[in-house]
C-alpha atoms as a PDB file:
ATOM      1  CA  MET A   1      19.817  24.851 -21.451  1.00  0.00           C
ATOM      2  CA  THR A   2      17.881  25.891 -18.358  1.00  0.00           C
ATOM      3  CA  ALA A   3      18.326  23.503 -15.438  1.00  0.00           C
ATOM      4  CA  PRO A   4      15.160  22.013 -13.917  1.00  0.00           C
ATOM      5  CA  LEU A   5      13.947  22.801 -10.432  1.00  0.00           C
ATOM      6  CA  ARG A   6      16.182  21.321  -7.732  1.00  0.00           C
ATOM      7  CA  VAL A   7      14.389  19.344  -5.027  1.00  0.00           C
ATOM      8  CA  LEU A   8      16.330  17.727  -2.188  1.00  0.00           C
ATOM      9  CA  THR A   9      14.925  14.809  -0.198  1.00  0.00           C
ATOM     10  CA  VAL A  10      16.325  13.960   3.229  1.00  0.00           C
ATOM     11  CA  ALA A  11      14.981  10.497   3.971  1.00  0.00           C
ATOM     12  CA  GLY A  12      15.598   6.773   4.284  1.00  0.00           C
ATOM     13  CA  SER A  13      16.024   4.239   1.509  1.00  0.00           C
ATOM     14  CA  ASP A  14      13.274   1.727   0.694  1.00  0.00           C
ATOM     15  CA  SER A  15      14.978  -1.245  -0.946  1.00  0.00           C
ATOM     16  CA  GLY A  16      11.648  -2.263  -2.486  1.00  0.00           C
ATOM     17  CA  GLY A  17      11.471   1.052  -4.358  1.00  0.00           C
ATOM     18  CA  GLY A  18       7.965   2.080  -3.298  1.00  0.00           C
ATOM     19  CA  ALA A  19       8.557   4.683  -0.618  1.00  0.00           C
ATOM     20  CA  GLY A  20      11.352   6.750   0.930  1.00  0.00           C
ATOM     21  CA  ILE A  21      14.162   8.184  -1.159  1.00  0.00           C
ATOM     22  CA  GLN A  22      13.135   6.088  -4.146  1.00  0.00           C
ATOM     23  CA  ALA A  23       9.558   7.412  -4.158  1.00  0.00           C
ATOM     24  CA  ASP A  24      10.780  10.970  -3.675  1.00  0.00           C
ATOM     25  CA  LEU A  25      13.153  10.828  -6.633  1.00  0.00           C
ATOM     26  CA  LYS A  26      10.547   9.169  -8.869  1.00  0.00           C
ATOM     27  CA  THR A  27       8.052  11.876  -7.973  1.00  0.00           C
ATOM     28  CA  ALA A  28      10.507  14.665  -8.734  1.00  0.00           C
ATOM     29  CA  GLN A  29      11.318  13.097 -12.097  1.00  0.00           C
ATOM     30  CA  ALA A  30       7.651  12.589 -12.971  1.00  0.00           C
ATOM     31  CA  LEU A  31       6.895  16.238 -12.220  1.00  0.00           C
ATOM     32  CA  GLY A  32       9.828  17.623 -14.156  1.00  0.00           C
ATOM     33  CA  ALA A  33      12.208  18.424 -11.303  1.00  0.00           C
ATOM     34  CA  HIS A  34      15.770  17.298 -10.608  1.00  0.00           C
ATOM     35  CA  GLY A  35      15.763  15.150  -7.485  1.00  0.00           C
ATOM     36  CA  MET A  36      18.738  15.052  -5.114  1.00  0.00           C
ATOM     37  CA  SER A  37      19.115  13.009  -1.945  1.00  0.00           C
ATOM     38  CA  VAL A  38      20.519  12.933   1.553  1.00  0.00           C
ATOM     39  CA  LEU A  39      20.257   9.364   2.800  1.00  0.00           C
ATOM     40  CA  THR A  40      19.448   9.054   6.524  1.00  0.00           C
ATOM     41  CA  ALA A  41      18.926   5.301   6.843  1.00  0.00           C
ATOM     42  CA  VAL A  42      19.004   2.062   4.898  1.00  0.00           C
ATOM     43  CA  THR A  43      16.088  -0.328   5.235  1.00  0.00           C
ATOM     44  CA  ALA A  44      15.609  -3.907   4.135  1.00  0.00           C
ATOM     45  CA  GLN A  45      12.049  -3.534   2.939  1.00  0.00           C
ATOM     46  CA  ASN A  46       9.624  -5.190   0.545  1.00  0.00           C
ATOM     47  CA  SER A  47       5.884  -5.454  -0.059  1.00  0.00           C
ATOM     48  CA  LEU A  48       5.464  -7.404   3.200  1.00  0.00           C
ATOM     49  CA  GLY A  49       7.156  -4.972   5.558  1.00  0.00           C
ATOM     50  CA  VAL A  50      10.444  -3.739   6.965  1.00  0.00           C
ATOM     51  CA  GLN A  51      12.832  -6.513   7.892  1.00  0.00           C
ATOM     52  CA  GLY A  52      15.642  -4.267   9.125  1.00  0.00           C
ATOM     53  CA  ALA A  53      16.757  -0.629   9.391  1.00  0.00           C
ATOM     54  CA  TRP A  54      20.192   0.912   9.856  1.00  0.00           C
ATOM     55  CA  GLU A  55      20.603   4.613  10.623  1.00  0.00           C
ATOM     56  CA  LEU A  56      23.478   6.515   9.019  1.00  0.00           C
ATOM     57  CA  PRO A  57      25.848   8.540  11.230  1.00  0.00           C
ATOM     58  CA  VAL A  58      24.961  12.182  11.737  1.00  0.00           C
ATOM     59  CA  GLU A  59      28.269  13.259  10.147  1.00  0.00           C
ATOM     60  CA  ALA A  60      27.381  11.316   6.975  1.00  0.00           C
ATOM     61  CA  VAL A  61      24.016  13.092   6.782  1.00  0.00           C
ATOM     62  CA  ARG A  62      25.610  16.500   7.303  1.00  0.00           C
ATOM     63  CA  ALA A  63      28.264  15.790   4.668  1.00  0.00           C
ATOM     64  CA  GLN A  64      25.690  14.763   2.055  1.00  0.00           C
ATOM     65  CA  PHE A  65      23.599  17.865   2.725  1.00  0.00           C
ATOM     66  CA  ARG A  66      26.525  20.270   2.518  1.00  0.00           C
ATOM     67  CA  SER A  67      27.894  18.551  -0.587  1.00  0.00           C
ATOM     68  CA  VAL A  68      24.634  19.073  -2.469  1.00  0.00           C
ATOM     69  CA  VAL A  69      23.548  22.468  -1.179  1.00  0.00           C
ATOM     70  CA  ASP A  70      26.939  24.186  -1.283  1.00  0.00           C
ATOM     71  CA  ASP A  71      27.616  23.208  -4.900  1.00  0.00           C
ATOM     72  CA  ILE A  72      24.366  22.467  -6.723  1.00  0.00           C
ATOM     73  CA  GLY A  73      21.971  24.545  -4.651  1.00  0.00           C
ATOM     74  CA  VAL A  74      18.358  23.743  -3.884  1.00  0.00           C
ATOM     75  CA  ASP A  75      14.891  25.177  -4.543  1.00  0.00           C
ATOM     76  CA  ALA A  76      12.944  23.117  -1.972  1.00  0.00           C
ATOM     77  CA  VAL A  77      13.609  20.407   0.605  1.00  0.00           C
ATOM     78  CA  LYS A  78      11.454  17.485   1.710  1.00  0.00           C
ATOM     79  CA  THR A  79      12.196  15.437   4.828  1.00  0.00           C
ATOM     80  CA  GLY A  80      11.067  11.894   5.533  1.00  0.00           C
ATOM     81  CA  MET A  81      12.445   9.157   7.784  1.00  0.00           C
ATOM     82  CA  LEU A  82      14.560  10.630  10.589  1.00  0.00           C
ATOM     83  CA  SER A  83      14.728   7.871  13.146  1.00  0.00           C
ATOM     84  CA  SER A  84      16.576   9.353  16.148  1.00  0.00           C
ATOM     85  CA  PRO A  85      16.723  12.596  18.173  1.00  0.00           C
ATOM     86  CA  ALA A  86      20.283  13.218  16.958  1.00  0.00           C
ATOM     87  CA  LEU A  87      19.283  12.961  13.296  1.00  0.00           C
ATOM     88  CA  VAL A  88      16.181  15.111  13.746  1.00  0.00           C
ATOM     89  CA  THR A  89      18.200  17.804  15.517  1.00  0.00           C
ATOM     90  CA  ALA A  90      21.015  17.774  12.960  1.00  0.00           C
ATOM     91  CA  VAL A  91      18.642  18.009  10.006  1.00  0.00           C
ATOM     92  CA  ALA A  92      16.659  20.809  11.663  1.00  0.00           C
ATOM     93  CA  GLU A  93      19.887  22.767  12.141  1.00  0.00           C
ATOM     94  CA  LEU A  94      20.821  22.274   8.496  1.00  0.00           C
ATOM     95  CA  LEU A  95      17.387  23.350   7.289  1.00  0.00           C
ATOM     96  CA  ALA A  96      17.482  26.493   9.405  1.00  0.00           C
ATOM     97  CA  GLY A  97      20.383  27.637   7.239  1.00  0.00           C
ATOM     98  CA  VAL A  98      18.628  27.408   3.862  1.00  0.00           C
ATOM     99  CA  ARG A  99      16.123  29.972   2.637  1.00  0.00           C
ATOM    100  CA  VAL A 100      13.870  27.676   0.634  1.00  0.00           C
ATOM    101  CA  PRO A 101      10.511  25.993   1.308  1.00  0.00           C
ATOM    102  CA  VAL A 102      10.677  22.899   3.513  1.00  0.00           C
ATOM    103  CA  VAL A 103       8.087  20.105   3.503  1.00  0.00           C
ATOM    104  CA  VAL A 104       8.223  17.915   6.619  1.00  0.00           C
ATOM    105  CA  ASP A 105       6.680  14.463   6.409  1.00  0.00           C
ATOM    106  CA  PRO A 106       7.003  13.297  10.060  1.00  0.00           C
ATOM    107  CA  VAL A 107       7.273   9.608   9.227  1.00  0.00           C
ATOM    108  CA  GLY A 108       6.505   7.500  12.281  1.00  0.00           C
ATOM    109  CA  VAL A 109       5.306   4.105  11.092  1.00  0.00           C
ATOM    110  CA  SER A 110       5.536   2.372   7.714  1.00  0.00           C
ATOM    111  CA  LYS A 111       2.512   1.343   5.637  1.00  0.00           C
ATOM    112  CA  HIS A 112       2.944  -2.144   7.098  1.00  0.00           C
ATOM    113  CA  GLY A 113       2.988  -0.955  10.711  1.00  0.00           C
ATOM    114  CA  ASP A 114       6.759  -1.055  11.240  1.00  0.00           C
ATOM    115  CA  ARG A 115       8.099   1.720  13.487  1.00  0.00           C
ATOM    116  CA  LEU A 116      10.534   4.078  11.705  1.00  0.00           C
ATOM    117  CA  LEU A 117      10.803   6.855  14.313  1.00  0.00           C
ATOM    118  CA  ALA A 118      12.079   6.195  17.823  1.00  0.00           C
ATOM    119  CA  GLU A 119       9.660   7.320  20.514  1.00  0.00           C
ATOM    120  CA  ASP A 120      12.361   9.433  22.140  1.00  0.00           C
ATOM    121  CA  ALA A 121      12.676  11.392  18.868  1.00  0.00           C
ATOM    122  CA  LEU A 122       9.099  12.703  19.009  1.00  0.00           C
ATOM    123  CA  ASP A 123      10.013  15.693  21.153  1.00  0.00           C
ATOM    124  CA  ALA A 124      12.799  16.682  18.748  1.00  0.00           C
ATOM    125  CA  VAL A 125      10.314  16.550  15.876  1.00  0.00           C
ATOM    126  CA  ARG A 126       7.933  18.789  17.813  1.00  0.00           C
ATOM    127  CA  THR A 127      10.459  21.350  19.025  1.00  0.00           C
ATOM    128  CA  ARG A 128      13.171  21.341  16.342  1.00  0.00           C
ATOM    129  CA  LEU A 129      11.806  20.056  13.018  1.00  0.00           C
ATOM    130  CA  LEU A 130       8.224  21.301  12.816  1.00  0.00           C
ATOM    131  CA  PRO A 131       9.210  24.934  13.523  1.00  0.00           C
ATOM    132  CA  VAL A 132      11.316  25.036  10.321  1.00  0.00           C
ATOM    133  CA  ALA A 133       8.576  23.533   8.128  1.00  0.00           C
ATOM    134  CA  THR A 134       6.770  25.489   5.462  1.00  0.00           C
ATOM    135  CA  VAL A 135       4.278  22.625   5.299  1.00  0.00           C
ATOM    136  CA  ALA A 136       3.962  19.652   7.670  1.00  0.00           C
ATOM    137  CA  THR A 137       2.122  16.630   6.238  1.00  0.00           C
ATOM    138  CA  PRO A 138       1.224  14.215   9.069  1.00  0.00           C
ATOM    139  CA  ASN A 139      -1.251  11.383   8.683  1.00  0.00           C
ATOM    140  CA  LEU A 140      -3.726  10.636  11.451  1.00  0.00           C
ATOM    141  CA  GLY A 141      -1.430   8.238  13.293  1.00  0.00           C
ATOM    142  CA  GLU A 142       1.385  10.774  13.259  1.00  0.00           C
ATOM    143  CA  VAL A 143      -0.962  13.509  14.485  1.00  0.00           C
ATOM    144  CA  ALA A 144      -1.961  11.316  17.423  1.00  0.00           C
ATOM    145  CA  GLU A 145       1.674  10.595  18.317  1.00  0.00           C
ATOM    146  CA  LEU A 146       2.821  14.192  18.016  1.00  0.00           C
ATOM    147  CA  THR A 147      -0.155  16.001  19.555  1.00  0.00           C
ATOM    148  CA  GLY A 148      -2.343  13.463  21.349  1.00  0.00           C
ATOM    149  CA  VAL A 149      -5.323  14.423  19.171  1.00  0.00           C
ATOM    150  CA  VAL A 150      -7.223  11.367  17.944  1.00  0.00           C
ATOM    151  CA  VAL A 151      -9.199  11.928  14.730  1.00  0.00           C
ATOM    152  CA  GLU A 152     -12.298   9.767  14.447  1.00  0.00           C
ATOM    153  CA  GLU A 153     -14.321  11.790  11.953  1.00  0.00           C
ATOM    154  CA  GLU A 154     -13.864  14.587   9.461  1.00  0.00           C
ATOM    155  CA  ALA A 155     -14.888  17.249  11.957  1.00  0.00           C
ATOM    156  CA  ASP A 156     -11.836  16.364  14.078  1.00  0.00           C
ATOM    157  CA  LEU A 157      -9.411  17.368  11.330  1.00  0.00           C
ATOM    158  CA  ARG A 158      -9.602  21.062  12.258  1.00  0.00           C
ATOM    159  CA  ARG A 159      -8.650  20.352  15.869  1.00  0.00           C
ATOM    160  CA  ALA A 160      -5.807  18.119  14.697  1.00  0.00           C
ATOM    161  CA  ALA A 161      -4.461  20.791  12.357  1.00  0.00           C
ATOM    162  CA  ASP A 162      -4.562  23.416  15.101  1.00  0.00           C
ATOM    163  CA  ALA A 163      -2.573  21.116  17.369  1.00  0.00           C
ATOM    164  CA  VAL A 164       0.084  20.603  14.681  1.00  0.00           C
ATOM    165  CA  LEU A 165       0.288  24.333  13.937  1.00  0.00           C
ATOM    166  CA  ALA A 166       0.951  24.987  17.619  1.00  0.00           C
ATOM    167  CA  TYR A 167       4.430  23.511  17.097  1.00  0.00           C
ATOM    168  CA  GLY A 168       5.363  26.137  14.532  1.00  0.00           C
ATOM    169  CA  PRO A 169       4.983  25.027  10.898  1.00  0.00           C
ATOM    170  CA  ARG A 170       3.560  27.726   8.620  1.00  0.00           C
ATOM    171  CA  TRP A 171       0.977  25.309   7.194  1.00  0.00           C
ATOM    172  CA  ALA A 172      -0.403  21.963   8.323  1.00  0.00           C
ATOM    173  CA  LEU A 173      -1.725  19.409   5.851  1.00  0.00           C
ATOM    174  CA  VAL A 174      -3.540  16.778   7.904  1.00  0.00           C
ATOM    175  CA  LYS A 175      -4.155  13.718   5.759  1.00  0.00           C
ATOM    176  CA  GLY A 176      -7.479  12.027   6.444  1.00  0.00           C
ATOM    177  CA  GLY A 177      -6.950   9.082   4.140  1.00  0.00           C
ATOM    178  CA  HIS A 178      -7.702   6.582   6.911  1.00  0.00           C
ATOM    179  CA  LEU A 179     -11.198   7.968   7.499  1.00  0.00           C
ATOM    180  CA  PRO A 180     -14.181   6.305   5.804  1.00  0.00           C
ATOM    181  CA  GLY A 181     -15.651   7.818   2.651  1.00  0.00           C
ATOM    182  CA  ASP A 182     -13.804  10.101   0.251  1.00  0.00           C
ATOM    183  CA  ALA A 183     -10.105  10.762   0.827  1.00  0.00           C
ATOM    184  CA  VAL A 184     -10.257  14.171   2.508  1.00  0.00           C
ATOM    185  CA  ASP A 185      -7.325  16.281   3.705  1.00  0.00           C
ATOM    186  CA  LEU A 186      -7.312  19.633   5.489  1.00  0.00           C
ATOM    187  CA  LEU A 187      -4.717  22.286   4.669  1.00  0.00           C
ATOM    188  CA  THR A 188      -4.617  25.345   6.913  1.00  0.00           C
ATOM    189  CA  ASP A 189      -2.316  28.025   8.238  1.00  0.00           C
ATOM    190  CA  GLY A 190      -4.688  28.840  11.085  1.00  0.00           C
ATOM    191  CA  ARG A 191      -6.418  31.593   9.126  1.00  0.00           C
ATOM    192  CA  GLU A 192      -7.546  30.080   5.852  1.00  0.00           C
ATOM    193  CA  GLU A 193      -8.693  26.529   5.243  1.00  0.00           C
ATOM    194  CA  HIS A 194      -8.597  24.354   2.147  1.00  0.00           C
ATOM    195  CA  TRP A 195     -10.471  21.049   2.150  1.00  0.00           C
ATOM    196  CA  LEU A 196      -9.186  18.687  -0.501  1.00  0.00           C
ATOM    197  CA  ARG A 197     -11.297  15.720  -1.512  1.00  0.00           C
ATOM    198  CA  ALA A 198     -10.706  12.882  -3.914  1.00  0.00           C
ATOM    199  CA  PRO A 199     -12.612   9.676  -4.634  1.00  0.00           C
ATOM    200  CA  ARG A 200     -11.398   6.662  -2.688  1.00  0.00           C
ATOM    201  CA  HIS A 201     -10.050   4.073  -5.108  1.00  0.00           C
ATOM    202  CA  ASP A 202     -10.603   0.398  -4.401  1.00  0.00           C
ATOM    203  CA  ASN A 203      -6.919  -0.426  -4.548  1.00  0.00           C
ATOM    204  CA  ARG A 204      -4.860  -1.810  -1.660  1.00  0.00           C
ATOM    205  CA  HIS A 205      -1.557  -1.059  -3.391  1.00  0.00           C
ATOM    206  CA  THR A 206      -0.809   2.293  -1.775  1.00  0.00           C
ATOM    207  CA  HIS A 207       2.757   1.913  -0.504  1.00  0.00           C
ATOM    208  CA  GLY A 208       4.587   5.242  -0.695  1.00  0.00           C
ATOM    209  CA  THR A 209       1.529   7.500  -0.658  1.00  0.00           C
ATOM    210  CA  GLY A 210       2.776   9.867   2.046  1.00  0.00           C
ATOM    211  CA  CYS A 211       6.288  10.217   0.634  1.00  0.00           C
ATOM    212  CA  THR A 212       4.892  10.835  -2.824  1.00  0.00           C
ATOM    213  CA  LEU A 213       2.460  13.521  -1.692  1.00  0.00           C
ATOM    214  CA  ALA A 214       5.063  15.410   0.335  1.00  0.00           C
ATOM    215  CA  SER A 215       7.576  15.281  -2.520  1.00  0.00           C
ATOM    216  CA  ALA A 216       4.984  16.523  -5.002  1.00  0.00           C
ATOM    217  CA  VAL A 217       4.221  19.454  -2.691  1.00  0.00           C
ATOM    218  CA  ALA A 218       7.951  20.232  -2.548  1.00  0.00           C
ATOM    219  CA  VAL A 219       8.160  20.305  -6.351  1.00  0.00           C
ATOM    220  CA  GLY A 220       5.287  22.783  -6.510  1.00  0.00           C
ATOM    221  CA  LEU A 221       6.854  25.021  -3.880  1.00  0.00           C
ATOM    222  CA  ALA A 222      10.214  24.838  -5.654  1.00  0.00           C
ATOM    223  CA  GLY A 223       8.477  26.284  -8.687  1.00  0.00           C
ATOM    224  CA  GLY A 224       7.136  29.216  -6.705  1.00  0.00           C
ATOM    225  CA  LEU A 225       3.526  28.083  -6.383  1.00  0.00           C
ATOM    226  CA  PRO A 226       1.547  29.309  -3.375  1.00  0.00           C
ATOM    227  CA  VAL A 227       1.140  26.583  -0.764  1.00  0.00           C
ATOM    228  CA  PRO A 228      -2.565  25.905  -1.473  1.00  0.00           C
ATOM    229  CA  GLU A 229      -1.951  25.475  -5.205  1.00  0.00           C
ATOM    230  CA  ALA A 230       1.143  23.319  -4.655  1.00  0.00           C
ATOM    231  CA  VAL A 231      -0.855  21.055  -2.335  1.00  0.00           C
ATOM    232  CA  ARG A 232      -3.827  20.922  -4.697  1.00  0.00           C
ATOM    233  CA  ARG A 233      -1.645  19.809  -7.595  1.00  0.00           C
ATOM    234  CA  ALA A 234       0.160  17.298  -5.389  1.00  0.00           C
ATOM    235  CA  LYS A 235      -3.151  15.829  -4.252  1.00  0.00           C
ATOM    236  CA  SER A 236      -4.231  15.394  -7.860  1.00  0.00           C
ATOM    237  CA  TYR A 237      -0.953  13.692  -8.746  1.00  0.00           C
ATOM    238  CA  VAL A 238      -1.006  11.271  -5.824  1.00  0.00           C
ATOM    239  CA  THR A 239      -4.673  10.433  -6.428  1.00  0.00           C
ATOM    240  CA  GLY A 240      -3.764   9.273  -9.917  1.00  0.00           C
ATOM    241  CA  ALA A 241      -0.774   7.369  -8.564  1.00  0.00           C
ATOM    242  CA  ILE A 242      -2.998   5.552  -6.058  1.00  0.00           C
ATOM    243  CA  ALA A 243      -5.547   4.675  -8.731  1.00  0.00           C
ATOM    244  CA  ALA A 244      -2.755   3.151 -10.808  1.00  0.00           C
ATOM    245  CA  GLY A 245      -1.028   1.360  -7.906  1.00  0.00           C
ATOM    246  CA  PHE A 246      -0.005  -2.159  -8.810  1.00  0.00           C
ATOM    247  CA  ALA A 247       0.702  -5.509  -7.204  1.00  0.00           C
ATOM    248  CA  LEU A 248       4.349  -6.233  -6.534  1.00  0.00           C
ATOM    249  CA  GLY A 249       5.480  -9.113  -4.371  1.00  0.00           C
ATOM    250  CA  GLY A 250       3.175 -10.841  -1.936  1.00  0.00           C
ATOM    251  CA  GLY A 251       1.922  -7.854   0.053  1.00  0.00           C
ATOM    252  CA  ILE A 252       1.049  -4.186  -0.471  1.00  0.00           C
ATOM    253  CA  GLY A 253       2.339  -2.883  -3.791  1.00  0.00           C
ATOM    254  CA  PRO A 254       3.419   0.686  -4.572  1.00  0.00           C
ATOM    255  CA  VAL A 255       1.592   3.613  -6.092  1.00  0.00           C
ATOM    256  CA  ASP A 256       2.522   4.239  -9.725  1.00  0.00           C
ATOM    257  CA  HIS A 257       4.699   7.340  -9.931  1.00  0.00           C
ATOM    258  CA  GLY A 258       4.710   7.232 -13.720  1.00  0.00           C
ATOM    259  CA  TRP A 259       0.952   7.014 -14.233  1.00  0.00           C
ATOM    260  CA  ARG A 260       0.768  10.240 -16.241  1.00  0.00           C
ATOM    261  CA  THR A 261       3.061   8.871 -18.908  1.00  0.00           C
ATOM    262  CA  ARG A 262       0.534   6.089 -19.438  1.00  0.00           C
ATOM    263  CA  GLY A 263      -2.405   8.360 -20.086  1.00  0.00           C
ATOM    264  CA  GLY A 264      -4.036   8.368 -16.642  1.00  0.00           C
ATOM    265  CA  SER A 265      -6.100  11.200 -15.164  1.00  0.00           C
ATOM    266  CA  ALA A 266      -7.200  12.372 -11.710  1.00  0.00           C
ATOM    267  CA  ALA A 267      -9.137  15.249 -10.208  1.00  0.00           C
ATOM    268  CA  THR A 268      -9.687  16.752  -6.782  1.00  0.00           C
ATOM    269  CA  ASP A 269     -12.202  19.187  -5.354  1.00  0.00           C
ATOM    270  CA  SER A 270     -11.549  21.947  -2.853  1.00  0.00           C
END
């Protein structure tokens, strides 16, 4: 039998199962890929927020990465929570040695407002991690932290993307989900632009959106899709997952990674 696409996530664990490693693996499974993981941190996390976070040693992260890549191999990598300069630097060095697409989700703050990236790690993200990215997928808060560009309206997305591209990723996907109106994202490599729009669903249960989108992009790239098509398909998938997001616990519930198996549908426009 032919093995499925191999997608490796390098990220932290969300004990509540909505984001992080758990969301990445669910996304890979839902899209027909084989998900593998390098755990960078353990969080005590639920629908109300992050109650604690413990970073793994750099040597443990390196060992997990080498164990997977040297034996199983990999078709694409997605990075998420990397909380310290040492972790960011180590992961960037590891990624520089693999010749596969890399999706960097520069996670800074959780959905609940809890900080997941130390401020002194921002420079390492800019100078070490973003240059190895095939696609970087920052949200507006992460753009502001990394570049100083504050997006207040859709027209600002182009300036934000240019500022991200200045740090070296091949493509920037700036997520405008926090702007009013339709959920609009801008994907660009500095030469061509793709504006992706989706209806905004009246659903507060959106925990794990960023992780899910980045992982879905990684699956598409693992399968050899061009970046614009991989992002377009990922946007469609995450739009359906948001629409089907459900209450869990007393706070913000997760998106539904398995919505397609329950007959859902979603569409996006470019």
